[in-house]
């Protein structure tokens, strides 16, 4: 099991708020500030409540608790000037040897879609934009995508059954953005030089045209 990478010393909430206020003051246009707050603002700041990683929320499997977590994250983020959460992570833990989406940063529970929906509701009701990540699902990979080119090697049947559903639920719940995985997805785009972030087949054909339906989605999301 790989532990999450250690972070450098974190700023205090007051320091973060001062920086955000100064940036807004100096900008000619209003700024939209985003931050990776997977564990609440404790992911980036000190002296604030530290919440569990996604694995724990999946183990609890309680939508009400997840909604409260989203609400608290939103209130604390907005208090220091953050408008947009680069969270929640909705990857399913289908490969325990994964070095970047580790066993703690992913979810085992197949009910994760309802938990993500609850988090989105709690966060948005308290004024925070949210991002579901890392499409099309970074749980089944072997390489840290911060250090090399990762590959999501499941076939279409696997992607449809395991990786896509949490993103489909997030989209139906009105998520504000989807973050892509910096990884190859051969089952969708066989070009070895195209990772998901620059693949029209992944972004346009699958994510936009097939999954991004606010009314209904076919069980078979790629043919």
C-alpha atoms as a PDB file:
ATOM      1  CA  UNK A   1       0.000   0.000   0.000  1.00  0.00           C
ATOM      2  CA  UNK A   2       1.369   3.381  -1.023  1.00  0.00           C
ATOM      3  CA  UNK A   3       0.810   6.289   1.364  1.00  0.00           C
ATOM      4  CA  UNK A   4      -0.132   9.701  -0.082  1.00  0.00           C
ATOM      5  CA  UNK A   5       2.863  11.936  -0.810  1.00  0.00           C
ATOM      6  CA  UNK A   6       3.859  14.283   2.011  1.00  0.00           C
ATOM      7  CA  UNK A   7       2.988  17.930   1.510  1.00  0.00           C
ATOM      8  CA  UNK A   8       5.202  20.901   2.460  1.00  0.00           C
ATOM      9  CA  UNK A   9       4.211  23.075   5.386  1.00  0.00           C
ATOM     10  CA  UNK A  10       0.704  24.434   4.934  1.00  0.00           C
ATOM     11  CA  UNK A  11      -0.545  27.979   5.310  1.00  0.00           C
ATOM     12  CA  UNK A  12      -3.083  29.045   7.906  1.00  0.00           C
ATOM     13  CA  UNK A  13      -6.667  29.883   6.873  1.00  0.00           C
ATOM     14  CA  UNK A  14      -6.031  33.572   7.562  1.00  0.00           C
ATOM     15  CA  UNK A  15      -2.933  33.558   5.340  1.00  0.00           C
ATOM     16  CA  UNK A  16      -4.878  31.891   2.529  1.00  0.00           C
ATOM     17  CA  UNK A  17      -7.699  34.402   2.861  1.00  0.00           C
ATOM     18  CA  UNK A  18      -5.237  37.307   2.734  1.00  0.00           C
ATOM     19  CA  UNK A  19      -3.687  35.978  -0.464  1.00  0.00           C
ATOM     20  CA  UNK A  20      -7.093  35.396  -2.055  1.00  0.00           C
ATOM     21  CA  UNK A  21      -8.262  38.883  -1.106  1.00  0.00           C
ATOM     22  CA  UNK A  22      -5.083  40.459  -2.448  1.00  0.00           C
ATOM     23  CA  UNK A  23      -5.398  38.592  -5.745  1.00  0.00           C
ATOM     24  CA  UNK A  24      -9.002  39.719  -6.115  1.00  0.00           C
ATOM     25  CA  UNK A  25      -8.007  43.295  -5.276  1.00  0.00           C
ATOM     26  CA  UNK A  26      -5.185  43.335  -7.831  1.00  0.00           C
ATOM     27  CA  UNK A  27      -7.159  41.704 -10.646  1.00  0.00           C
ATOM     28  CA  UNK A  28      -9.110  43.792 -13.144  1.00  0.00           C
ATOM     29  CA  UNK A  29     -11.676  40.997 -13.373  1.00  0.00           C
ATOM     30  CA  UNK A  30     -13.169  38.827 -10.595  1.00  0.00           C
ATOM     31  CA  UNK A  31     -11.104  35.675 -10.153  1.00  0.00           C
ATOM     32  CA  UNK A  32     -12.473  32.155  -9.827  1.00  0.00           C
ATOM     33  CA  UNK A  33     -10.168  30.387  -7.369  1.00  0.00           C
ATOM     34  CA  UNK A  34      -9.938  26.604  -7.275  1.00  0.00           C
ATOM     35  CA  UNK A  35      -8.139  24.180  -4.958  1.00  0.00           C
ATOM     36  CA  UNK A  36      -7.708  20.453  -4.476  1.00  0.00           C
ATOM     37  CA  UNK A  37      -9.682  19.847  -1.284  1.00  0.00           C
ATOM     38  CA  UNK A  38     -10.250  16.086  -1.314  1.00  0.00           C
ATOM     39  CA  UNK A  39     -10.119  15.999   2.507  1.00  0.00           C
ATOM     40  CA  UNK A  40     -11.718  19.376   3.011  1.00  0.00           C
ATOM     41  CA  UNK A  41      -9.529  22.476   3.189  1.00  0.00           C
ATOM     42  CA  UNK A  42      -7.163  20.459   5.413  1.00  0.00           C
ATOM     43  CA  UNK A  43      -5.769  19.165   2.125  1.00  0.00           C
ATOM     44  CA  UNK A  44      -4.185  22.596   1.731  1.00  0.00           C
ATOM     45  CA  UNK A  45      -4.364  24.428   5.072  1.00  0.00           C
ATOM     46  CA  UNK A  46      -3.403  23.790   8.695  1.00  0.00           C
ATOM     47  CA  UNK A  47      -5.414  24.283  11.873  1.00  0.00           C
ATOM     48  CA  UNK A  48      -8.683  23.140  10.287  1.00  0.00           C
ATOM     49  CA  UNK A  49     -10.706  19.918  10.635  1.00  0.00           C
ATOM     50  CA  UNK A  50      -9.024  17.049   8.799  1.00  0.00           C
ATOM     51  CA  UNK A  51     -11.467  14.680   7.105  1.00  0.00           C
ATOM     52  CA  UNK A  52     -10.856  11.111   5.881  1.00  0.00           C
ATOM     53  CA  UNK A  53      -9.815  10.070   2.388  1.00  0.00           C
ATOM     54  CA  UNK A  54     -12.471   8.806  -0.081  1.00  0.00           C
ATOM     55  CA  UNK A  55     -11.935   5.192   0.968  1.00  0.00           C
ATOM     56  CA  UNK A  56     -13.377   5.970   4.396  1.00  0.00           C
ATOM     57  CA  UNK A  57     -16.450   7.694   2.949  1.00  0.00           C
ATOM     58  CA  UNK A  58     -17.029   4.683   0.733  1.00  0.00           C
ATOM     59  CA  UNK A  59     -16.754   2.389   3.745  1.00  0.00           C
ATOM     60  CA  UNK A  60     -19.255   4.480   5.715  1.00  0.00           C
ATOM     61  CA  UNK A  61     -21.612   4.401   2.707  1.00  0.00           C
ATOM     62  CA  UNK A  62     -23.922   7.027   4.197  1.00  0.00           C
ATOM     63  CA  UNK A  63     -25.200   9.708   1.777  1.00  0.00           C
ATOM     64  CA  UNK A  64     -26.245  12.031   4.614  1.00  0.00           C
ATOM     65  CA  UNK A  65     -22.718  12.019   6.061  1.00  0.00           C
ATOM     66  CA  UNK A  66     -21.272  12.659   2.598  1.00  0.00           C
ATOM     67  CA  UNK A  67     -23.665  15.563   2.123  1.00  0.00           C
ATOM     68  CA  UNK A  68     -22.546  17.070   5.436  1.00  0.00           C
ATOM     69  CA  UNK A  69     -18.926  16.664   4.364  1.00  0.00           C
ATOM     70  CA  UNK A  70     -19.636  18.534   1.135  1.00  0.00           C
ATOM     71  CA  UNK A  71     -21.426  21.291   3.031  1.00  0.00           C
ATOM     72  CA  UNK A  72     -18.632  21.760   5.574  1.00  0.00           C
ATOM     73  CA  UNK A  73     -16.001  21.746   2.847  1.00  0.00           C
ATOM     74  CA  UNK A  74     -17.962  24.395   0.960  1.00  0.00           C
ATOM     75  CA  UNK A  75     -18.350  26.691   3.951  1.00  0.00           C
ATOM     76  CA  UNK A  76     -14.697  26.460   4.917  1.00  0.00           C
ATOM     77  CA  UNK A  77     -13.489  26.865   1.329  1.00  0.00           C
ATOM     78  CA  UNK A  78     -15.659  29.905   0.670  1.00  0.00           C
ATOM     79  CA  UNK A  79     -14.537  31.440   3.971  1.00  0.00           C
ATOM     80  CA  UNK A  80     -10.936  31.598   2.706  1.00  0.00           C
ATOM     81  CA  UNK A  81     -11.819  32.661  -0.840  1.00  0.00           C
ATOM     82  CA  UNK A  82     -11.991  29.338  -2.691  1.00  0.00           C
ATOM     83  CA  UNK A  83     -14.910  29.025  -5.111  1.00  0.00           C
ATOM     84  CA  UNK A  84     -14.192  25.730  -6.824  1.00  0.00           C
ATOM     85  CA  UNK A  85     -13.253  22.344  -5.375  1.00  0.00           C
ATOM     86  CA  UNK A  86     -11.068  20.054  -7.473  1.00  0.00           C
ATOM     87  CA  UNK A  87     -12.922  17.251  -5.735  1.00  0.00           C
ATOM     88  CA  UNK A  88     -14.475  14.782  -5.138  1.00  0.00           C
ATOM     89  CA  UNK A  89     -12.442  11.871  -6.426  1.00  0.00           C
ATOM     90  CA  UNK A  90     -14.837   9.235  -7.713  1.00  0.00           C
ATOM     91  CA  UNK A  91     -12.298   6.632  -8.893  1.00  0.00           C
ATOM     92  CA  UNK A  92     -13.064   3.059  -7.901  1.00  0.00           C
ATOM     93  CA  UNK A  93     -10.259   1.068  -6.317  1.00  0.00           C
ATOM     94  CA  UNK A  94      -9.998  -1.753  -8.830  1.00  0.00           C
ATOM     95  CA  UNK A  95      -6.191  -2.063  -8.542  1.00  0.00           C
ATOM     96  CA  UNK A  96      -4.730  -2.018  -4.993  1.00  0.00           C
ATOM     97  CA  UNK A  97      -1.207  -1.657  -6.451  1.00  0.00           C
ATOM     98  CA  UNK A  98      -2.092   1.710  -7.973  1.00  0.00           C
ATOM     99  CA  UNK A  99       0.651   4.181  -6.908  1.00  0.00           C
ATOM    100  CA  UNK A 100      -1.264   7.445  -7.488  1.00  0.00           C
ATOM    101  CA  UNK A 101      -4.944   6.707  -6.851  1.00  0.00           C
ATOM    102  CA  UNK A 102      -4.031   4.697  -3.777  1.00  0.00           C
ATOM    103  CA  UNK A 103      -6.313   2.550  -1.691  1.00  0.00           C
ATOM    104  CA  UNK A 104      -7.116   5.601   0.442  1.00  0.00           C
ATOM    105  CA  UNK A 105      -7.747   8.024  -2.446  1.00  0.00           C
ATOM    106  CA  UNK A 106     -10.299   5.766  -4.155  1.00  0.00           C
ATOM    107  CA  UNK A 107     -13.534   4.008  -3.278  1.00  0.00           C
ATOM    108  CA  UNK A 108     -14.322   0.314  -3.154  1.00  0.00           C
ATOM    109  CA  UNK A 109     -18.048   0.711  -2.736  1.00  0.00           C
ATOM    110  CA  UNK A 110     -20.265   0.204  -5.799  1.00  0.00           C
ATOM    111  CA  UNK A 111     -22.641   2.683  -4.117  1.00  0.00           C
ATOM    112  CA  UNK A 112     -20.119   5.474  -4.637  1.00  0.00           C
ATOM    113  CA  UNK A 113     -22.420   7.125  -7.191  1.00  0.00           C
ATOM    114  CA  UNK A 114     -25.026   7.945  -4.554  1.00  0.00           C
ATOM    115  CA  UNK A 115     -22.314   9.156  -2.189  1.00  0.00           C
ATOM    116  CA  UNK A 116     -20.865  11.439  -4.844  1.00  0.00           C
ATOM    117  CA  UNK A 117     -24.339  12.780  -5.592  1.00  0.00           C
ATOM    118  CA  UNK A 118     -24.790  13.594  -1.896  1.00  0.00           C
ATOM    119  CA  UNK A 119     -21.421  15.373  -1.718  1.00  0.00           C
ATOM    120  CA  UNK A 120     -22.247  17.441  -4.796  1.00  0.00           C
ATOM    121  CA  UNK A 121     -25.597  18.461  -3.322  1.00  0.00           C
ATOM    122  CA  UNK A 122     -24.100  19.459   0.022  1.00  0.00           C
ATOM    123  CA  UNK A 123     -21.289  21.461  -1.565  1.00  0.00           C
ATOM    124  CA  UNK A 124     -23.378  23.247  -4.185  1.00  0.00           C
ATOM    125  CA  UNK A 125     -26.085  24.198  -1.709  1.00  0.00           C
ATOM    126  CA  UNK A 126     -23.372  26.038   0.201  1.00  0.00           C
ATOM    127  CA  UNK A 127     -21.940  27.899  -2.773  1.00  0.00           C
ATOM    128  CA  UNK A 128     -19.055  25.676  -3.902  1.00  0.00           C
ATOM    129  CA  UNK A 129     -18.434  24.486  -7.455  1.00  0.00           C
ATOM    130  CA  UNK A 130     -17.330  20.845  -7.638  1.00  0.00           C
ATOM    131  CA  UNK A 131     -15.277  18.614  -9.929  1.00  0.00           C
ATOM    132  CA  UNK A 132     -15.576  14.839 -10.307  1.00  0.00           C
ATOM    133  CA  UNK A 133     -12.239  13.195 -11.086  1.00  0.00           C
ATOM    134  CA  UNK A 134     -10.322  11.457 -12.767  1.00  0.00           C
ATOM    135  CA  UNK A 135     -12.253  10.470 -15.896  1.00  0.00           C
ATOM    136  CA  UNK A 136     -12.573   7.818 -17.234  1.00  0.00           C
ATOM    137  CA  UNK A 137     -11.551   6.308 -13.895  1.00  0.00           C
ATOM    138  CA  UNK A 138      -7.963   6.209 -12.635  1.00  0.00           C
ATOM    139  CA  UNK A 139      -8.378   3.345 -10.185  1.00  0.00           C
ATOM    140  CA  UNK A 140      -7.095   0.588 -12.483  1.00  0.00           C
ATOM    141  CA  UNK A 141      -3.569   1.705 -13.365  1.00  0.00           C
ATOM    142  CA  UNK A 142      -0.010   0.867 -12.354  1.00  0.00           C
ATOM    143  CA  UNK A 143       1.984   4.065 -12.973  1.00  0.00           C
ATOM    144  CA  UNK A 144       1.952   7.362 -11.070  1.00  0.00           C
ATOM    145  CA  UNK A 145       0.735   9.796 -13.734  1.00  0.00           C
ATOM    146  CA  UNK A 146       2.717  12.592 -12.038  1.00  0.00           C
ATOM    147  CA  UNK A 147       5.889  10.715 -12.976  1.00  0.00           C
ATOM    148  CA  UNK A 148       5.091   8.827 -16.169  1.00  0.00           C
ATOM    149  CA  UNK A 149       2.440   7.902 -18.720  1.00  0.00           C
ATOM    150  CA  UNK A 150      -0.194   5.755 -17.066  1.00  0.00           C
ATOM    151  CA  UNK A 151      -2.605   3.450 -18.864  1.00  0.00           C
ATOM    152  CA  UNK A 152      -6.153   2.428 -18.011  1.00  0.00           C
ATOM    153  CA  UNK A 153      -6.278  -0.977 -19.662  1.00  0.00           C
ATOM    154  CA  UNK A 154      -9.771  -2.265 -18.927  1.00  0.00           C
ATOM    155  CA  UNK A 155     -11.884  -3.238 -21.917  1.00  0.00           C
ATOM    156  CA  UNK A 156     -15.113  -1.456 -22.810  1.00  0.00           C
ATOM    157  CA  UNK A 157     -17.197  -3.866 -20.754  1.00  0.00           C
ATOM    158  CA  UNK A 158     -15.080  -3.135 -17.671  1.00  0.00           C
ATOM    159  CA  UNK A 159     -15.193   0.631 -18.223  1.00  0.00           C
ATOM    160  CA  UNK A 160     -18.967   0.598 -18.623  1.00  0.00           C
ATOM    161  CA  UNK A 161     -19.552  -1.620 -15.616  1.00  0.00           C
ATOM    162  CA  UNK A 162     -17.103  -0.145 -13.114  1.00  0.00           C
ATOM    163  CA  UNK A 163     -15.359   3.091 -14.121  1.00  0.00           C
ATOM    164  CA  UNK A 164     -18.068   5.143 -15.863  1.00  0.00           C
ATOM    165  CA  UNK A 165     -21.073   4.849 -13.474  1.00  0.00           C
ATOM    166  CA  UNK A 166     -19.774   7.233 -10.750  1.00  0.00           C
ATOM    167  CA  UNK A 167     -19.128   9.895 -13.407  1.00  0.00           C
ATOM    168  CA  UNK A 168     -22.541   9.284 -14.939  1.00  0.00           C
ATOM    169  CA  UNK A 169     -24.138   9.803 -11.526  1.00  0.00           C
ATOM    170  CA  UNK A 170     -22.077  12.952 -10.942  1.00  0.00           C
ATOM    171  CA  UNK A 171     -23.151  14.405 -14.292  1.00  0.00           C
ATOM    172  CA  UNK A 172     -26.792  13.617 -13.619  1.00  0.00           C
ATOM    173  CA  UNK A 173     -26.418  15.311 -10.220  1.00  0.00           C
ATOM    174  CA  UNK A 174     -25.258  18.514 -11.924  1.00  0.00           C
ATOM    175  CA  UNK A 175     -21.521  18.381 -11.243  1.00  0.00           C
ATOM    176  CA  UNK A 176     -19.818  21.555 -12.474  1.00  0.00           C
ATOM    177  CA  UNK A 177     -16.774  19.963 -14.093  1.00  0.00           C
ATOM    178  CA  UNK A 178     -15.070  16.664 -14.865  1.00  0.00           C
ATOM    179  CA  UNK A 179     -11.307  16.347 -14.440  1.00  0.00           C
ATOM    180  CA  UNK A 180      -9.599  13.982 -16.865  1.00  0.00           C
ATOM    181  CA  UNK A 181      -6.934  11.419 -16.041  1.00  0.00           C
ATOM    182  CA  UNK A 182      -3.513  11.956 -17.600  1.00  0.00           C
ATOM    183  CA  UNK A 183      -3.548   8.398 -18.881  1.00  0.00           C
ATOM    184  CA  UNK A 184      -3.937   6.351 -22.016  1.00  0.00           C
ATOM    185  CA  UNK A 185      -7.263   4.575 -22.485  1.00  0.00           C
ATOM    186  CA  UNK A 186      -6.627   2.000 -25.244  1.00  0.00           C
ATOM    187  CA  UNK A 187     -10.178   0.659 -25.215  1.00  0.00           C
ATOM    188  CA  UNK A 188     -11.435   4.085 -26.315  1.00  0.00           C
ATOM    189  CA  UNK A 189      -8.455   5.595 -28.120  1.00  0.00           C
ATOM    190  CA  UNK A 190      -5.847   3.078 -29.340  1.00  0.00           C
ATOM    191  CA  UNK A 191      -3.395   5.822 -30.369  1.00  0.00           C
ATOM    192  CA  UNK A 192      -0.430   5.308 -27.977  1.00  0.00           C
ATOM    193  CA  UNK A 193       0.471   8.996 -28.218  1.00  0.00           C
ATOM    194  CA  UNK A 194      -2.892  10.283 -26.986  1.00  0.00           C
ATOM    195  CA  UNK A 195      -3.747  10.444 -23.310  1.00  0.00           C
ATOM    196  CA  UNK A 196      -7.295  11.181 -22.175  1.00  0.00           C
ATOM    197  CA  UNK A 197      -6.709  14.910 -21.743  1.00  0.00           C
ATOM    198  CA  UNK A 198      -5.963  15.399 -25.462  1.00  0.00           C
ATOM    199  CA  UNK A 199      -8.120  12.634 -26.919  1.00  0.00           C
ATOM    200  CA  UNK A 200     -11.217  13.687 -28.870  1.00  0.00           C
ATOM    201  CA  UNK A 201     -12.475  10.121 -28.601  1.00  0.00           C
ATOM    202  CA  UNK A 202     -12.348  10.244 -24.799  1.00  0.00           C
ATOM    203  CA  UNK A 203     -13.451  13.849 -24.287  1.00  0.00           C
ATOM    204  CA  UNK A 204     -15.869  14.466 -27.146  1.00  0.00           C
ATOM    205  CA  UNK A 205     -17.194  11.078 -28.194  1.00  0.00           C
ATOM    206  CA  UNK A 206     -17.530   9.462 -24.762  1.00  0.00           C
ATOM    207  CA  UNK A 207     -17.644  12.154 -22.085  1.00  0.00           C
ATOM    208  CA  UNK A 208     -19.564  14.880 -23.919  1.00  0.00           C
ATOM    209  CA  UNK A 209     -21.724  12.957 -26.378  1.00  0.00           C
ATOM    210  CA  UNK A 210     -22.465   9.769 -24.444  1.00  0.00           C
ATOM    211  CA  UNK A 211     -22.185  10.466 -20.727  1.00  0.00           C
ATOM    212  CA  UNK A 212     -23.167  14.118 -20.545  1.00  0.00           C
ATOM    213  CA  UNK A 213     -26.903  13.564 -20.772  1.00  0.00           C
ATOM    214  CA  UNK A 214     -28.769  15.267 -17.933  1.00  0.00           C
ATOM    215  CA  UNK A 215     -31.908  13.208 -18.583  1.00  0.00           C
ATOM    216  CA  UNK A 216     -30.798   9.655 -19.239  1.00  0.00           C
ATOM    217  CA  UNK A 217     -27.800   7.595 -20.264  1.00  0.00           C
ATOM    218  CA  UNK A 218     -27.673   4.263 -22.038  1.00  0.00           C
ATOM    219  CA  UNK A 219     -26.194   1.390 -19.994  1.00  0.00           C
ATOM    220  CA  UNK A 220     -23.787   0.831 -22.894  1.00  0.00           C
ATOM    221  CA  UNK A 221     -21.840   4.072 -22.981  1.00  0.00           C
ATOM    222  CA  UNK A 222     -19.371   3.233 -25.733  1.00  0.00           C
ATOM    223  CA  UNK A 223     -19.960   1.092 -28.799  1.00  0.00           C
END
